[in-house]
Amino acid sequence: AIAQVLPALVGRSYLDVAGLDCAATKDMSPNRLLPLSPVLGTHGVP
């Protein structure tokens, strides 16, 4: 569901995949990506 709704939220559609410039993103390294925030649980709390 997330994969299908995200393109619309950023103003794109799956049709835009054909025109993506992959060279523009080749330098994107993992340390430049935002880290995923862990989901905080309530362990031990009944």
All heavy atoms as atom14 arrays in JSON, in Angstrom:
{
  "sequence": "AIAQVLPALVGRSYLDVAGLDCAATKDMSPNRLLPLSPVLGTHGVP",
  "atom14_mask": [
    [1, 1, 1, 1, 1, 0, 0, 0, 0, 0, 0, 0, 0, 0],
    [1, 1, 1, 1, 1, 1, 1, 1, 0, 0, 0, 0, 0, 0],
    [1, 1, 1, 1, 1, 0, 0, 0, 0, 0, 0, 0, 0, 0],
    [1, 1, 1, 1, 1, 1, 1, 1, 1, 0, 0, 0, 0, 0],
    [1, 1, 1, 1, 1, 1, 1, 0, 0, 0, 0, 0, 0, 0],
    [1, 1, 1, 1, 1, 1, 1, 1, 0, 0, 0, 0, 0, 0],
    [1, 1, 1, 1, 1, 1, 1, 0, 0, 0, 0, 0, 0, 0],
    [1, 1, 1, 1, 1, 0, 0, 0, 0, 0, 0, 0, 0, 0],
    [1, 1, 1, 1, 1, 1, 1, 1, 0, 0, 0, 0, 0, 0],
    [1, 1, 1, 1, 1, 1, 1, 0, 0, 0, 0, 0, 0, 0],
    [1, 1, 1, 1, 0, 0, 0, 0, 0, 0, 0, 0, 0, 0],
    [1, 1, 1, 1, 1, 1, 1, 1, 1, 1, 1, 0, 0, 0],
    [1, 1, 1, 1, 1, 1, 0, 0, 0, 0, 0, 0, 0, 0],
    [1, 1, 1, 1, 1, 1, 1, 1, 1, 1, 1, 1, 0, 0],
    [1, 1, 1, 1, 1, 1, 1, 1, 0, 0, 0, 0, 0, 0],
    [1, 1, 1, 1, 1, 1, 1, 1, 0, 0, 0, 0, 0, 0],
    [1, 1, 1, 1, 1, 1, 1, 0, 0, 0, 0, 0, 0, 0],
    [1, 1, 1, 1, 1, 0, 0, 0, 0, 0, 0, 0, 0, 0],
    [1, 1, 1, 1, 0, 0, 0, 0, 0, 0, 0, 0, 0, 0],
    [1, 1, 1, 1, 1, 1, 1, 1, 0, 0, 0, 0, 0, 0],
    [1, 1, 1, 1, 1, 1, 1, 1, 0, 0, 0, 0, 0, 0],
    [1, 1, 1, 1, 1, 1, 0, 0, 0, 0, 0, 0, 0, 0],
    [1, 1, 1, 1, 1, 0, 0, 0, 0, 0, 0, 0, 0, 0],
    [1, 1, 1, 1, 1, 0, 0, 0, 0, 0, 0, 0, 0, 0],
    [1, 1, 1, 1, 1, 1, 1, 0, 0, 0, 0, 0, 0, 0],
    [1, 1, 1, 1, 1, 1, 1, 1, 1, 0, 0, 0, 0, 0],
    [1, 1, 1, 1, 1, 1, 1, 1, 0, 0, 0, 0, 0, 0],
    [1, 1, 1, 1, 1, 1, 1, 1, 0, 0, 0, 0, 0, 0],
    [1, 1, 1, 1, 1, 1, 0, 0, 0, 0, 0, 0, 0, 0],
    [1, 1, 1, 1, 1, 1, 1, 0, 0, 0, 0, 0, 0, 0],
    [1, 1, 1, 1, 1, 1, 1, 1, 0, 0, 0, 0, 0, 0],
    [1, 1, 1, 1, 1, 1, 1, 1, 1, 1, 1, 0, 0, 0],
    [1, 1, 1, 1, 1, 1, 1, 1, 0, 0, 0, 0, 0, 0],
    [1, 1, 1, 1, 1, 1, 1, 1, 0, 0, 0, 0, 0, 0],
    [1, 1, 1, 1, 1, 1, 1, 0, 0, 0, 0, 0, 0, 0],
    [1, 1, 1, 1, 1, 1, 1, 1, 0, 0, 0, 0, 0, 0],
    [1, 1, 1, 1, 1, 1, 0, 0, 0, 0, 0, 0, 0, 0],
    [1, 1, 1, 1, 1, 1, 1, 0, 0, 0, 0, 0, 0, 0],
    [1, 1, 1, 1, 1, 1, 1, 0, 0, 0, 0, 0, 0, 0],
    [1, 1, 1, 1, 1, 1, 1, 1, 0, 0, 0, 0, 0, 0],
    [1, 1, 1, 1, 0, 0, 0, 0, 0, 0, 0, 0, 0, 0],
    [1, 1, 1, 1, 1, 1, 1, 0, 0, 0, 0, 0, 0, 0],
    [1, 1, 1, 1, 1, 1, 1, 1, 1, 1, 0, 0, 0, 0],
    [1, 1, 1, 1, 0, 0, 0, 0, 0, 0, 0, 0, 0, 0],
    [1, 1, 1, 1, 1, 1, 1, 0, 0, 0, 0, 0, 0, 0],
    [1, 1, 1, 1, 1, 1, 1, 0, 0, 0, 0, 0, 0, 0]
  ],
  "atom14_positions": [
    [[0.83, -1.2, 0.0], [0.0, 0.0, 0.0], [0.87, 1.26, 0.0], [0.58, 2.23, -0.71], [-0.93, 0.0, 1.2], [0.0, 0.0, 0.0], [0.0, 0.0, 0.0], [0.0, 0.0, 0.0], [0.0, 0.0, 0.0], [0.0, 0.0, 0.0], [0.0, 0.0, 0.0], [0.0, 0.0, 0.0], [0.0, 0.0, 0.0], [0.0, 0.0, 0.0]],
    [[1.94, 1.23, 0.79], [2.86, 2.37, 0.85], [3.52, 2.59, -0.5], [3.64, 3.73, -0.98], [3.92, 2.14, 1.94], [3.27, 2.14, 3.33], [5.01, 3.21, 1.88], [4.18, 1.67, 4.45], [0.0, 0.0, 0.0], [0.0, 0.0, 0.0], [0.0, 0.0, 0.0], [0.0, 0.0, 0.0], [0.0, 0.0, 0.0], [0.0, 0.0, 0.0]],
    [[3.93, 1.51, -1.15], [4.61, 1.61, -2.45], [3.7, 2.21, -3.51], [4.17, 2.87, -4.45], [5.09, 0.22, -2.9], [0.0, 0.0, 0.0], [0.0, 0.0, 0.0], [0.0, 0.0, 0.0], [0.0, 0.0, 0.0], [0.0, 0.0, 0.0], [0.0, 0.0, 0.0], [0.0, 0.0, 0.0], [0.0, 0.0, 0.0], [0.0, 0.0, 0.0]],
    [[2.4, 2.0, -3.38], [1.48, 2.52, -4.39], [1.05, 3.96, -4.11], [0.74, 4.7, -5.04], [0.25, 1.61, -4.48], [0.56, 0.26, -5.1], [-0.68, -0.57, -5.35], [-1.79, -0.18, -4.99], [-0.5, -1.72, -5.95], [0.0, 0.0, 0.0], [0.0, 0.0, 0.0], [0.0, 0.0, 0.0], [0.0, 0.0, 0.0], [0.0, 0.0, 0.0]],
    [[1.05, 4.35, -2.84], [0.57, 5.7, -2.52], [1.7, 6.73, -2.52], [1.47, 7.92, -2.79], [-0.17, 5.7, -1.16], [0.78, 5.69, 0.01], [-1.13, 6.88, -1.08], [0.0, 0.0, 0.0], [0.0, 0.0, 0.0], [0.0, 0.0, 0.0], [0.0, 0.0, 0.0], [0.0, 0.0, 0.0], [0.0, 0.0, 0.0], [0.0, 0.0, 0.0]],
    [[2.94, 6.3, -2.26], [4.05, 7.26, -2.2], [4.27, 8.02, -3.51], [4.48, 9.25, -3.47], [5.35, 6.55, -1.79], [5.61, 6.45, -0.29], [6.91, 5.7, -0.02], [5.65, 7.83, 0.35], [0.0, 0.0, 0.0], [0.0, 0.0, 0.0], [0.0, 0.0, 0.0], [0.0, 0.0, 0.0], [0.0, 0.0, 0.0], [0.0, 0.0, 0.0]],
    [[4.26, 7.37, -4.68], [4.46, 8.14, -5.91], [3.46, 9.29, -6.05], [3.83, 10.39, -6.45], [4.28, 7.08, -7.01], [4.67, 5.8, -6.36], [4.17, 5.93, -4.95], [0.0, 0.0, 0.0], [0.0, 0.0, 0.0], [0.0, 0.0, 0.0], [0.0, 0.0, 0.0], [0.0, 0.0, 0.0], [0.0, 0.0, 0.0], [0.0, 0.0, 0.0]],
    [[2.21, 9.03, -5.73], [1.19, 10.08, -5.83], [1.47, 11.22, -4.86], [1.27, 12.39, -5.18], [-0.2, 9.49, -5.56], [0.0, 0.0, 0.0], [0.0, 0.0, 0.0], [0.0, 0.0, 0.0], [0.0, 0.0, 0.0], [0.0, 0.0, 0.0], [0.0, 0.0, 0.0], [0.0, 0.0, 0.0], [0.0, 0.0, 0.0], [0.0, 0.0, 0.0]],
    [[1.97, 10.89, -3.68], [2.24, 11.91, -2.67], [3.4, 12.83, -3.07], [3.47, 13.97, -2.63], [2.53, 11.27, -1.31], [1.33, 10.6, -0.63], [1.77, 9.91, 0.66], [0.24, 11.62, -0.33], [0.0, 0.0, 0.0], [0.0, 0.0, 0.0], [0.0, 0.0, 0.0], [0.0, 0.0, 0.0], [0.0, 0.0, 0.0], [0.0, 0.0, 0.0]],
    [[4.31, 12.32, -3.89], [5.43, 13.16, -4.34], [5.2, 13.7, -5.74], [6.11, 14.19, -6.39], [6.77, 12.39, -4.26], [7.11, 12.01, -2.84], [6.77, 11.17, -5.17], [0.0, 0.0, 0.0], [0.0, 0.0, 0.0], [0.0, 0.0, 0.0], [0.0, 0.0, 0.0], [0.0, 0.0, 0.0], [0.0, 0.0, 0.0], [0.0, 0.0, 0.0]],
    [[3.96, 13.57, -6.23], [3.61, 14.15, -7.52], [4.1, 13.37, -8.71], [4.31, 13.93, -9.79], [0.0, 0.0, 0.0], [0.0, 0.0, 0.0], [0.0, 0.0, 0.0], [0.0, 0.0, 0.0], [0.0, 0.0, 0.0], [0.0, 0.0, 0.0], [0.0, 0.0, 0.0], [0.0, 0.0, 0.0], [0.0, 0.0, 0.0], [0.0, 0.0, 0.0]],
    [[4.31, 12.09, -8.54], [4.77, 11.22, -9.64], [3.8, 10.07, -9.81], [2.86, 9.89, -9.04], [6.16, 10.66, -9.33], [7.26, 11.69, -9.11], [7.64, 12.36, -10.42], [8.79, 13.23, -10.25], [10.06, 12.84, -10.46], [10.32, 11.6, -10.79], [11.04, 13.71, -10.31], [0.0, 0.0, 0.0], [0.0, 0.0, 0.0], [0.0, 0.0, 0.0]],
    [[4.05, 9.26, -10.81], [3.33, 8.01, -10.98], [4.32, 6.97, -11.46], [5.47, 7.3, -11.81], [2.18, 8.15, -11.99], [2.67, 8.11, -13.31], [0.0, 0.0, 0.0], [0.0, 0.0, 0.0], [0.0, 0.0, 0.0], [0.0, 0.0, 0.0], [0.0, 0.0, 0.0], [0.0, 0.0, 0.0], [0.0, 0.0, 0.0], [0.0, 0.0, 0.0]],
    [[3.91, 5.72, -11.52], [4.8, 4.67, -12.02], [5.23, 4.95, -13.46], [6.25, 4.46, -13.92], [4.12, 3.31, -11.92], [4.04, 2.75, -10.51], [3.03, 1.85, -10.16], [4.95, 3.11, -9.54], [2.95, 1.33, -8.87], [4.87, 2.61, -8.25], [3.87, 1.71, -7.93], [3.79, 1.2, -6.66], [0.0, 0.0, 0.0], [0.0, 0.0, 0.0]],
    [[4.44, 5.73, -14.19], [4.8, 6.07, -15.58], [6.09, 6.88, -15.64], [6.79, 6.86, -16.65], [3.66, 6.86, -16.23], [2.33, 6.12, -16.4], [1.27, 7.06, -16.96], [2.5, 4.91, -17.3], [0.0, 0.0, 0.0], [0.0, 0.0, 0.0], [0.0, 0.0, 0.0], [0.0, 0.0, 0.0], [0.0, 0.0, 0.0], [0.0, 0.0, 0.0]],
    [[6.41, 7.61, -14.56], [7.61, 8.44, -14.55], [8.9, 7.62, -14.47], [9.98, 8.15, -14.68], [7.56, 9.41, -13.36], [6.47, 10.45, -13.53], [6.45, 11.11, -14.59], [5.63, 10.58, -12.63], [0.0, 0.0, 0.0], [0.0, 0.0, 0.0], [0.0, 0.0, 0.0], [0.0, 0.0, 0.0], [0.0, 0.0, 0.0], [0.0, 0.0, 0.0]],
    [[8.77, 6.34, -14.15], [9.96, 5.5, -14.04], [10.75, 5.48, -15.34], [11.98, 5.47, -15.36], [9.56, 4.05, -13.63], [10.76, 3.12, -13.71], [8.99, 4.06, -12.22], [0.0, 0.0, 0.0], [0.0, 0.0, 0.0], [0.0, 0.0, 0.0], [0.0, 0.0, 0.0], [0.0, 0.0, 0.0], [0.0, 0.0, 0.0], [0.0, 0.0, 0.0]],
    [[10.04, 5.5, -16.47], [10.7, 5.43, -17.78], [11.6, 6.64, -18.02], [12.58, 6.55, -18.77], [9.66, 5.33, -18.88], [0.0, 0.0, 0.0], [0.0, 0.0, 0.0], [0.0, 0.0, 0.0], [0.0, 0.0, 0.0], [0.0, 0.0, 0.0], [0.0, 0.0, 0.0], [0.0, 0.0, 0.0], [0.0, 0.0, 0.0], [0.0, 0.0, 0.0]],
    [[11.32, 7.75, -17.38], [12.11, 8.96, -17.62], [13.07, 9.31, -16.5], [13.61, 10.41, -16.48], [0.0, 0.0, 0.0], [0.0, 0.0, 0.0], [0.0, 0.0, 0.0], [0.0, 0.0, 0.0], [0.0, 0.0, 0.0], [0.0, 0.0, 0.0], [0.0, 0.0, 0.0], [0.0, 0.0, 0.0], [0.0, 0.0, 0.0], [0.0, 0.0, 0.0]],
    [[13.29, 8.39, -15.55], [14.2, 8.69, -14.45], [15.64, 8.79, -14.91], [16.09, 8.02, -15.76], [14.09, 7.61, -13.37], [12.82, 7.62, -12.51], [12.87, 6.46, -11.53], [12.71, 8.94, -11.75], [0.0, 0.0, 0.0], [0.0, 0.0, 0.0], [0.0, 0.0, 0.0], [0.0, 0.0, 0.0], [0.0, 0.0, 0.0], [0.0, 0.0, 0.0]],
    [[16.38, 9.74, -14.35], [17.79, 9.9, -14.66], [18.58, 9.2, -13.55], [18.87, 9.77, -12.51], [18.16, 11.38, -14.73], [19.63, 11.61, -15.09], [20.32, 10.6, -15.38], [20.06, 12.77, -15.08], [0.0, 0.0, 0.0], [0.0, 0.0, 0.0], [0.0, 0.0, 0.0], [0.0, 0.0, 0.0], [0.0, 0.0, 0.0], [0.0, 0.0, 0.0]],
    [[18.91, 7.93, -13.79], [19.6, 7.15, -12.76], [21.0, 7.67, -12.49], [21.52, 7.52, -11.38], [19.67, 5.68, -13.17], [18.04, 4.91, -13.27], [0.0, 0.0, 0.0], [0.0, 0.0, 0.0], [0.0, 0.0, 0.0], [0.0, 0.0, 0.0], [0.0, 0.0, 0.0], [0.0, 0.0, 0.0], [0.0, 0.0, 0.0], [0.0, 0.0, 0.0]],
    [[21.63, 8.31, -13.49], [22.99, 8.82, -13.3], [23.01, 9.91, -12.24], [24.01, 10.1, -11.54], [23.52, 9.37, -14.62], [0.0, 0.0, 0.0], [0.0, 0.0, 0.0], [0.0, 0.0, 0.0], [0.0, 0.0, 0.0], [0.0, 0.0, 0.0], [0.0, 0.0, 0.0], [0.0, 0.0, 0.0], [0.0, 0.0, 0.0], [0.0, 0.0, 0.0]],
    [[21.91, 10.64, -12.11], [21.86, 11.74, -11.14], [21.85, 11.25, -9.71], [22.14, 11.99, -8.79], [20.63, 12.6, -11.41], [0.0, 0.0, 0.0], [0.0, 0.0, 0.0], [0.0, 0.0, 0.0], [0.0, 0.0, 0.0], [0.0, 0.0, 0.0], [0.0, 0.0, 0.0], [0.0, 0.0, 0.0], [0.0, 0.0, 0.0], [0.0, 0.0, 0.0]],
    [[21.52, 9.98, -9.51], [21.44, 9.46, -8.14], [22.52, 8.43, -7.85], [22.51, 7.82, -6.79], [20.06, 8.8, -7.91], [19.89, 7.73, -8.84], [18.94, 9.8, -8.07], [0.0, 0.0, 0.0], [0.0, 0.0, 0.0], [0.0, 0.0, 0.0], [0.0, 0.0, 0.0], [0.0, 0.0, 0.0], [0.0, 0.0, 0.0], [0.0, 0.0, 0.0]],
    [[23.48, 8.26, -8.75], [24.48, 7.21, -8.55], [25.41, 7.49, -7.39], [26.02, 6.58, -6.84], [25.29, 6.99, -9.83], [26.2, 8.16, -10.2], [26.97, 7.86, -11.46], [27.92, 9.0, -11.82], [28.66, 8.72, -13.05], [0.0, 0.0, 0.0], [0.0, 0.0, 0.0], [0.0, 0.0, 0.0], [0.0, 0.0, 0.0], [0.0, 0.0, 0.0]],
    [[25.53, 8.76, -7.0], [26.42, 9.1, -5.89], [25.73, 9.05, -4.53], [26.32, 9.37, -3.52], [27.02, 10.5, -6.09], [27.95, 10.55, -7.29], [28.59, 9.51, -7.57], [28.02, 11.61, -7.94], [0.0, 0.0, 0.0], [0.0, 0.0, 0.0], [0.0, 0.0, 0.0], [0.0, 0.0, 0.0], [0.0, 0.0, 0.0], [0.0, 0.0, 0.0]],
    [[24.47, 8.67, -4.55], [23.73, 8.61, -3.29], [24.25, 7.43, -2.47], [24.15, 6.29, -2.86], [22.24, 8.42, -3.56], [21.38, 8.39, -2.31], [21.34, 9.94, -1.41], [20.2, 10.87, -2.41], [0.0, 0.0, 0.0], [0.0, 0.0, 0.0], [0.0, 0.0, 0.0], [0.0, 0.0, 0.0], [0.0, 0.0, 0.0], [0.0, 0.0, 0.0]],
    [[24.85, 7.72, -1.33], [25.4, 6.66, -0.48], [24.49, 6.46, 0.72], [23.73, 7.34, 1.08], [26.81, 7.03, -0.02], [26.77, 8.26, 0.68], [0.0, 0.0, 0.0], [0.0, 0.0, 0.0], [0.0, 0.0, 0.0], [0.0, 0.0, 0.0], [0.0, 0.0, 0.0], [0.0, 0.0, 0.0], [0.0, 0.0, 0.0], [0.0, 0.0, 0.0]],
    [[24.58, 5.3, 1.36], [23.69, 5.02, 2.5], [23.77, 6.06, 3.6], [22.77, 6.34, 4.26], [24.19, 3.65, 2.98], [24.79, 3.01, 1.78], [25.41, 4.15, 1.01], [0.0, 0.0, 0.0], [0.0, 0.0, 0.0], [0.0, 0.0, 0.0], [0.0, 0.0, 0.0], [0.0, 0.0, 0.0], [0.0, 0.0, 0.0], [0.0, 0.0, 0.0]],
    [[24.97, 6.65, 3.81], [25.07, 7.59, 4.92], [24.39, 8.92, 4.62], [24.29, 9.78, 5.49], [26.54, 7.82, 5.3], [27.35, 8.41, 4.16], [26.84, 8.59, 3.06], [28.61, 8.71, 4.43], [0.0, 0.0, 0.0], [0.0, 0.0, 0.0], [0.0, 0.0, 0.0], [0.0, 0.0, 0.0], [0.0, 0.0, 0.0], [0.0, 0.0, 0.0]],
    [[23.93, 9.11, 3.38], [23.22, 10.33, 3.04], [21.71, 10.14, 3.18], [20.95, 11.09, 3.04], [23.55, 10.77, 1.61], [25.0, 11.23, 1.44], [25.25, 11.64, 0.01], [24.4, 12.76, -0.39], [24.32, 13.2, -1.65], [25.01, 12.6, -2.6], [23.53, 14.21, -1.95], [0.0, 0.0, 0.0], [0.0, 0.0, 0.0], [0.0, 0.0, 0.0]],
    [[21.31, 8.91, 3.38], [19.88, 8.63, 3.54], [19.47, 8.85, 4.98], [20.25, 8.66, 5.9], [19.58, 7.18, 3.12], [19.9, 6.82, 1.67], [19.67, 5.34, 1.46], [19.04, 7.64, 0.71], [0.0, 0.0, 0.0], [0.0, 0.0, 0.0], [0.0, 0.0, 0.0], [0.0, 0.0, 0.0], [0.0, 0.0, 0.0], [0.0, 0.0, 0.0]],
    [[18.22, 9.24, 5.19], [17.72, 9.43, 6.55], [17.59, 8.09, 7.24], [17.09, 7.13, 6.66], [16.35, 10.11, 6.5], [16.34, 11.57, 6.05], [14.9, 12.06, 5.92], [17.11, 12.45, 7.01], [0.0, 0.0, 0.0], [0.0, 0.0, 0.0], [0.0, 0.0, 0.0], [0.0, 0.0, 0.0], [0.0, 0.0, 0.0], [0.0, 0.0, 0.0]],
    [[18.06, 7.98, 8.47], [17.94, 6.71, 9.19], [16.49, 6.44, 9.56], [15.71, 7.36, 9.78], [18.78, 6.94, 10.45], [18.73, 8.42, 10.66], [18.69, 9.03, 9.28], [0.0, 0.0, 0.0], [0.0, 0.0, 0.0], [0.0, 0.0, 0.0], [0.0, 0.0, 0.0], [0.0, 0.0, 0.0], [0.0, 0.0, 0.0], [0.0, 0.0, 0.0]],
    [[16.15, 5.18, 9.58], [14.81, 4.8, 10.0], [14.72, 4.91, 11.52], [15.6, 4.45, 12.24], [14.49, 3.36, 9.57], [14.37, 3.14, 8.06], [14.21, 1.65, 7.78], [13.2, 3.91, 7.49], [0.0, 0.0, 0.0], [0.0, 0.0, 0.0], [0.0, 0.0, 0.0], [0.0, 0.0, 0.0], [0.0, 0.0, 0.0], [0.0, 0.0, 0.0]],
    [[13.67, 5.51, 12.01], [13.49, 5.63, 13.45], [12.91, 4.34, 14.0], [11.94, 3.82, 13.46], [12.54, 6.79, 13.76], [13.07, 7.99, 13.28], [0.0, 0.0, 0.0], [0.0, 0.0, 0.0], [0.0, 0.0, 0.0], [0.0, 0.0, 0.0], [0.0, 0.0, 0.0], [0.0, 0.0, 0.0], [0.0, 0.0, 0.0], [0.0, 0.0, 0.0]],
    [[13.51, 3.81, 15.03], [12.95, 2.59, 15.62], [11.6, 2.88, 16.25], [11.36, 3.97, 16.74], [13.99, 2.2, 16.67], [14.66, 3.48, 17.03], [14.68, 4.3, 15.76], [0.0, 0.0, 0.0], [0.0, 0.0, 0.0], [0.0, 0.0, 0.0], [0.0, 0.0, 0.0], [0.0, 0.0, 0.0], [0.0, 0.0, 0.0], [0.0, 0.0, 0.0]],
    [[10.73, 1.9, 16.2], [9.43, 2.05, 16.84], [9.58, 1.74, 18.31], [10.01, 0.65, 18.68], [8.4, 1.09, 16.2], [7.06, 1.21, 16.91], [8.25, 1.39, 14.72], [0.0, 0.0, 0.0], [0.0, 0.0, 0.0], [0.0, 0.0, 0.0], [0.0, 0.0, 0.0], [0.0, 0.0, 0.0], [0.0, 0.0, 0.0], [0.0, 0.0, 0.0]],
    [[9.27, 2.71, 19.13], [9.41, 2.52, 20.56], [8.27, 1.69, 21.09], [7.1, 1.99, 20.84], [9.45, 3.89, 21.26], [10.6, 4.81, 20.84], [10.48, 6.15, 21.55], [11.94, 4.16, 21.16], [0.0, 0.0, 0.0], [0.0, 0.0, 0.0], [0.0, 0.0, 0.0], [0.0, 0.0, 0.0], [0.0, 0.0, 0.0], [0.0, 0.0, 0.0]],
    [[8.58, 0.65, 21.8], [7.56, -0.21, 22.37], [7.32, 0.12, 23.83], [7.97, 0.98, 24.41], [0.0, 0.0, 0.0], [0.0, 0.0, 0.0], [0.0, 0.0, 0.0], [0.0, 0.0, 0.0], [0.0, 0.0, 0.0], [0.0, 0.0, 0.0], [0.0, 0.0, 0.0], [0.0, 0.0, 0.0], [0.0, 0.0, 0.0], [0.0, 0.0, 0.0]],
    [[6.39, -0.6, 24.42], [6.09, -0.4, 25.84], [6.33, -1.72, 26.55], [5.46, -2.23, 27.25], [4.64, 0.06, 26.04], [3.77, -0.88, 25.4], [4.42, 1.43, 25.44], [0.0, 0.0, 0.0], [0.0, 0.0, 0.0], [0.0, 0.0, 0.0], [0.0, 0.0, 0.0], [0.0, 0.0, 0.0], [0.0, 0.0, 0.0], [0.0, 0.0, 0.0]],
    [[7.52, -2.29, 26.33], [7.83, -3.59, 26.91], [7.77, -3.53, 28.43], [8.25, -2.59, 29.05], [9.23, -4.04, 26.46], [9.36, -4.13, 24.97], [8.69, -5.07, 24.24], [10.07, -3.4, 24.09], [9.0, -4.92, 22.96], [9.82, -3.9, 22.84], [0.0, 0.0, 0.0], [0.0, 0.0, 0.0], [0.0, 0.0, 0.0], [0.0, 0.0, 0.0]],
    [[7.16, -4.55, 29.0], [7.08, -4.62, 30.44], [5.9, -3.89, 31.04], [5.63, -4.02, 32.22], [0.0, 0.0, 0.0], [0.0, 0.0, 0.0], [0.0, 0.0, 0.0], [0.0, 0.0, 0.0], [0.0, 0.0, 0.0], [0.0, 0.0, 0.0], [0.0, 0.0, 0.0], [0.0, 0.0, 0.0], [0.0, 0.0, 0.0], [0.0, 0.0, 0.0]],
    [[5.19, -3.13, 30.23], [4.02, -2.4, 30.73], [2.77, -3.18, 30.33], [2.48, -3.31, 29.15], [3.96, -0.97, 30.15], [2.72, -0.25, 30.66], [5.22, -0.2, 30.5], [0.0, 0.0, 0.0], [0.0, 0.0, 0.0], [0.0, 0.0, 0.0], [0.0, 0.0, 0.0], [0.0, 0.0, 0.0], [0.0, 0.0, 0.0], [0.0, 0.0, 0.0]],
    [[2.05, -3.73, 31.29], [0.86, -4.52, 30.95], [-0.23, -3.64, 30.34], [-0.43, -2.5, 30.77], [0.42, -5.09, 32.3], [0.98, -4.16, 33.31], [2.27, -3.64, 32.74], [0.0, 0.0, 0.0], [0.0, 0.0, 0.0], [0.0, 0.0, 0.0], [0.0, 0.0, 0.0], [0.0, 0.0, 0.0], [0.0, 0.0, 0.0], [0.0, 0.0, 0.0]]
  ]
}
